[in-house]
Amino acid sequence: MKTPIFSFFAALIFAGCSVFGIRTTEEPSYNVRLGRGKIEIREYGAVLLATTRVSSDYEESTSVGFRRLADYIFGKNTREKSIKMTAPVVREEESEKISMTAPVLQETSAGKWTISFVLPANYTLESLPAPLDERITIAEIPAKKVATIRFSGFLDEENYRKKAEELETWLTGKGYTMLSEPRFAAYDPPWTLPFLRRNEVLIDIQ
């Protein structure tokens, strides 16, 4: 049985590791098929996501969505059971696709975001406790090929849009077909030193 003193020092050690960018949380597994500096082409297996939608600006939607999902994994579910926190936290700006002739045009729905937690690999759709909050959905995302660009610093709106444009430009130049809008993944808690943070933009590709 863990004593309060043990738990306190364990928390201090974990927080210290997080400050310096040492990650101990579970992450989705993947295979790197191509690496070009900060850009990678990866193949991911299927993963389970807990997702919620928030209509607000970038900063507010992140805060609201994170708290809502955190409540779910910390016990606000049908079994009142805590679920281990994983990384990354994923954000995506929703778009409306308007089918015309060719190509498919995409129009951004201003102020609508999805925030997602990747759930631990030892769960299945059947074994996961269901959320009590109806604004949270659980879904299995199939295996896919993903292009990523990695960067440190703050994951503010200006920074992520700049990196998304950089990745899209690289993919277009290399002849890749993009299958999704950019997603923005944060692997570290906010107290991690900015220059040690791992942030990524991800785009599904053919």
Foldseek 3Di string as FASTA:
>chain_A
DDDPVNVVVVVVVVVVCQQAQNDDFDDFDWDWPDDDPQKTKIKGAKFKKKKFKFQAADVVRVVVGVVLVCCQQCQQFPVRHHFGFHFKWKKDFDWDWDDDPDDIDIHTDPRMMMIIGTGDPVDDPVRDTGHPDPRIDMDIDGIFIKMKGKAFADPDPVVVVVVQVVRVVVCVVVPWAWDDRKMKIWGGDPSHDRRSTIIMIMTTTD
